């Protein structure tokens, strides 16, 4: 039943949609995946790790 509902949401029966700019020709699905990977990579660089706060060391 779940496969039927999921199949009704997205029709894969037609041709793909492509982004064309000068010599770049990429499908919107691949462009979305690449954009999400870039956002995830940027978040991994900018978001601090939990528990890695530097505490002042007293002597």
N, C-alpha and C. Protein backbone atom coordinates (compact mmCIF):
# COMPACT_ATOMS: atom_id res chain seq x y z
N UNK A 1 0.82 -1.20 0.00
CA UNK A 1 0.00 0.00 0.00
C UNK A 1 0.87 1.27 0.00
N UNK A 2 1.97 1.25 0.77
CA UNK A 2 2.84 2.42 0.85
C UNK A 2 3.52 2.69 -0.49
N UNK A 3 3.87 1.64 -1.22
CA UNK A 3 4.51 1.83 -2.51
C UNK A 3 3.56 2.50 -3.50
N UNK A 4 2.29 2.17 -3.42
CA UNK A 4 1.30 2.76 -4.31
C UNK A 4 1.15 4.24 -4.02
N UNK A 5 1.12 4.61 -2.75
CA UNK A 5 0.99 6.02 -2.39
C UNK A 5 2.23 6.82 -2.78
N UNK A 6 3.40 6.24 -2.57
CA UNK A 6 4.63 6.93 -2.93
C UNK A 6 4.73 7.07 -4.44
N UNK A 7 4.32 6.08 -5.18
CA UNK A 7 4.34 6.15 -6.63
C UNK A 7 3.37 7.18 -7.18
N UNK A 8 2.30 7.45 -6.45
CA UNK A 8 1.33 8.44 -6.89
C UNK A 8 1.84 9.86 -6.69
N UNK A 9 2.79 10.06 -5.79
CA UNK A 9 3.29 11.40 -5.51
C UNK A 9 4.22 11.91 -6.60
N UNK A 10 5.04 11.04 -7.15
CA UNK A 10 6.03 11.45 -8.13
C UNK A 10 5.84 10.62 -9.40
N UNK A 11 5.59 11.31 -10.50
CA UNK A 11 5.44 10.61 -11.77
C UNK A 11 6.79 10.56 -12.49
N UNK A 12 7.28 9.37 -12.74
CA UNK A 12 8.56 9.19 -13.42
C UNK A 12 8.35 8.77 -14.87
N UNK A 13 7.17 9.04 -15.38
CA UNK A 13 6.82 8.58 -16.71
C UNK A 13 7.29 9.52 -17.82
N UNK A 14 7.59 10.76 -17.50
CA UNK A 14 7.98 11.73 -18.52
C UNK A 14 9.47 11.91 -18.60
N UNK A 15 9.91 12.78 -19.49
CA UNK A 15 11.34 13.07 -19.61
C UNK A 15 11.84 13.89 -18.43
N UNK A 16 13.13 13.84 -18.18
CA UNK A 16 13.71 14.59 -17.09
C UNK A 16 13.77 16.08 -17.39
N UNK A 17 13.88 16.87 -16.34
CA UNK A 17 14.00 18.31 -16.49
C UNK A 17 15.45 18.70 -16.24
N UNK A 18 15.98 19.53 -17.11
CA UNK A 18 17.40 19.85 -17.05
C UNK A 18 17.63 21.34 -16.91
N UNK A 19 18.69 21.69 -16.18
CA UNK A 19 19.17 23.05 -16.05
C UNK A 19 20.26 23.24 -17.08
N UNK A 20 20.10 24.22 -17.95
CA UNK A 20 21.08 24.46 -19.01
C UNK A 20 21.59 25.88 -18.89
N UNK A 21 22.91 26.02 -18.73
CA UNK A 21 23.55 27.32 -18.63
C UNK A 21 24.91 27.23 -19.30
N UNK A 22 25.07 27.92 -20.42
CA UNK A 22 26.26 27.86 -21.26
C UNK A 22 26.59 26.41 -21.61
N UNK A 23 27.66 25.85 -21.11
CA UNK A 23 28.03 24.47 -21.43
C UNK A 23 27.63 23.49 -20.33
N UNK A 24 26.99 24.00 -19.24
CA UNK A 24 26.56 23.13 -18.15
C UNK A 24 25.15 22.62 -18.43
N UNK A 25 25.00 21.32 -18.38
CA UNK A 25 23.71 20.69 -18.58
C UNK A 25 23.55 19.61 -17.51
N UNK A 26 22.70 19.87 -16.51
CA UNK A 26 22.56 18.96 -15.37
C UNK A 26 21.08 18.86 -15.00
N UNK A 27 20.67 17.68 -14.58
CA UNK A 27 19.27 17.51 -14.21
C UNK A 27 19.00 18.20 -12.87
N UNK A 28 17.76 18.62 -12.67
CA UNK A 28 17.41 19.30 -11.43
C UNK A 28 17.54 18.37 -10.22
N UNK A 29 17.32 17.08 -10.42
CA UNK A 29 17.47 16.14 -9.31
C UNK A 29 18.92 16.08 -8.86
N UNK A 30 19.85 15.97 -9.80
CA UNK A 30 21.28 15.94 -9.45
C UNK A 30 21.73 17.28 -8.88
N UNK A 31 21.22 18.37 -9.40
CA UNK A 31 21.56 19.69 -8.89
C UNK A 31 21.10 19.85 -7.44
N UNK A 32 19.93 19.32 -7.12
CA UNK A 32 19.42 19.36 -5.74
C UNK A 32 20.30 18.55 -4.80
N UNK A 33 20.72 17.37 -5.24
CA UNK A 33 21.58 16.52 -4.42
C UNK A 33 22.93 17.20 -4.17
N UNK A 34 23.51 17.81 -5.19
CA UNK A 34 24.79 18.50 -5.04
C UNK A 34 24.65 19.69 -4.10
N UNK A 35 23.56 20.45 -4.22
CA UNK A 35 23.34 21.59 -3.33
C UNK A 35 23.19 21.14 -1.87
N UNK A 36 22.47 20.05 -1.64
CA UNK A 36 22.32 19.53 -0.28
C UNK A 36 23.65 19.03 0.29
N UNK A 37 24.49 18.45 -0.54
CA UNK A 37 25.81 18.00 -0.09
C UNK A 37 26.69 19.19 0.28
N UNK A 38 26.62 20.27 -0.49
CA UNK A 38 27.40 21.47 -0.18
C UNK A 38 26.93 22.10 1.12
N UNK A 39 25.62 22.16 1.33
CA UNK A 39 25.07 22.70 2.58
C UNK A 39 25.48 21.84 3.76
N UNK A 40 25.44 20.53 3.62
CA UNK A 40 25.85 19.63 4.69
C UNK A 40 27.33 19.78 5.01
N UNK A 41 28.17 19.93 3.99
CA UNK A 41 29.59 20.12 4.19
C UNK A 41 29.87 21.44 4.91
N UNK A 42 29.19 22.50 4.51
CA UNK A 42 29.37 23.80 5.16
C UNK A 42 28.91 23.75 6.61
N UNK A 43 27.81 23.07 6.87
CA UNK A 43 27.33 22.93 8.25
C UNK A 43 28.32 22.13 9.09
N UNK A 44 28.94 21.11 8.52
CA UNK A 44 29.92 20.31 9.25
C UNK A 44 31.15 21.14 9.60
N UNK A 45 31.49 22.10 8.76
CA UNK A 45 32.63 22.96 9.07
C UNK A 45 32.29 24.02 10.11
N UNK A 46 31.08 24.53 10.09
CA UNK A 46 30.72 25.67 10.93
C UNK A 46 30.10 25.30 12.28
N UNK A 47 29.39 24.20 12.35
CA UNK A 47 28.72 23.81 13.60
C UNK A 47 29.74 23.15 14.52
N UNK A 48 29.87 23.64 15.76
CA UNK A 48 30.86 23.04 16.65
C UNK A 48 30.43 21.65 17.13
N UNK A 49 31.42 20.83 17.42
CA UNK A 49 31.15 19.51 17.96
C UNK A 49 30.65 19.64 19.40
N UNK A 50 29.69 18.83 19.80
CA UNK A 50 29.23 18.90 21.19
C UNK A 50 30.30 18.38 22.15
N UNK A 51 30.47 19.06 23.25
CA UNK A 51 31.42 18.61 24.26
C UNK A 51 32.85 18.98 23.98
N UNK A 52 33.11 19.78 22.98
CA UNK A 52 34.48 20.15 22.63
C UNK A 52 34.79 21.60 23.00
N UNK A 53 34.16 22.10 24.04
CA UNK A 53 34.43 23.47 24.47
C UNK A 53 35.74 23.51 25.23
N UNK A 54 36.51 24.54 24.97
CA UNK A 54 37.78 24.69 25.67
C UNK A 54 37.52 25.33 27.03
N UNK A 55 37.97 24.62 28.04
CA UNK A 55 37.85 25.15 29.40
C UNK A 55 39.16 25.79 29.79
N UNK A 56 39.07 26.85 30.56
CA UNK A 56 40.30 27.49 31.05
C UNK A 56 40.98 26.56 32.03
N UNK A 57 42.23 26.32 31.77
CA UNK A 57 43.00 25.46 32.67
C UNK A 57 43.62 26.33 33.75
N UNK A 58 43.39 25.96 34.97
CA UNK A 58 43.99 26.71 36.09
C UNK A 58 45.17 25.93 36.62
N UNK A 59 46.24 26.66 36.93
CA UNK A 59 47.44 26.00 37.46
C UNK A 59 47.59 26.27 38.91
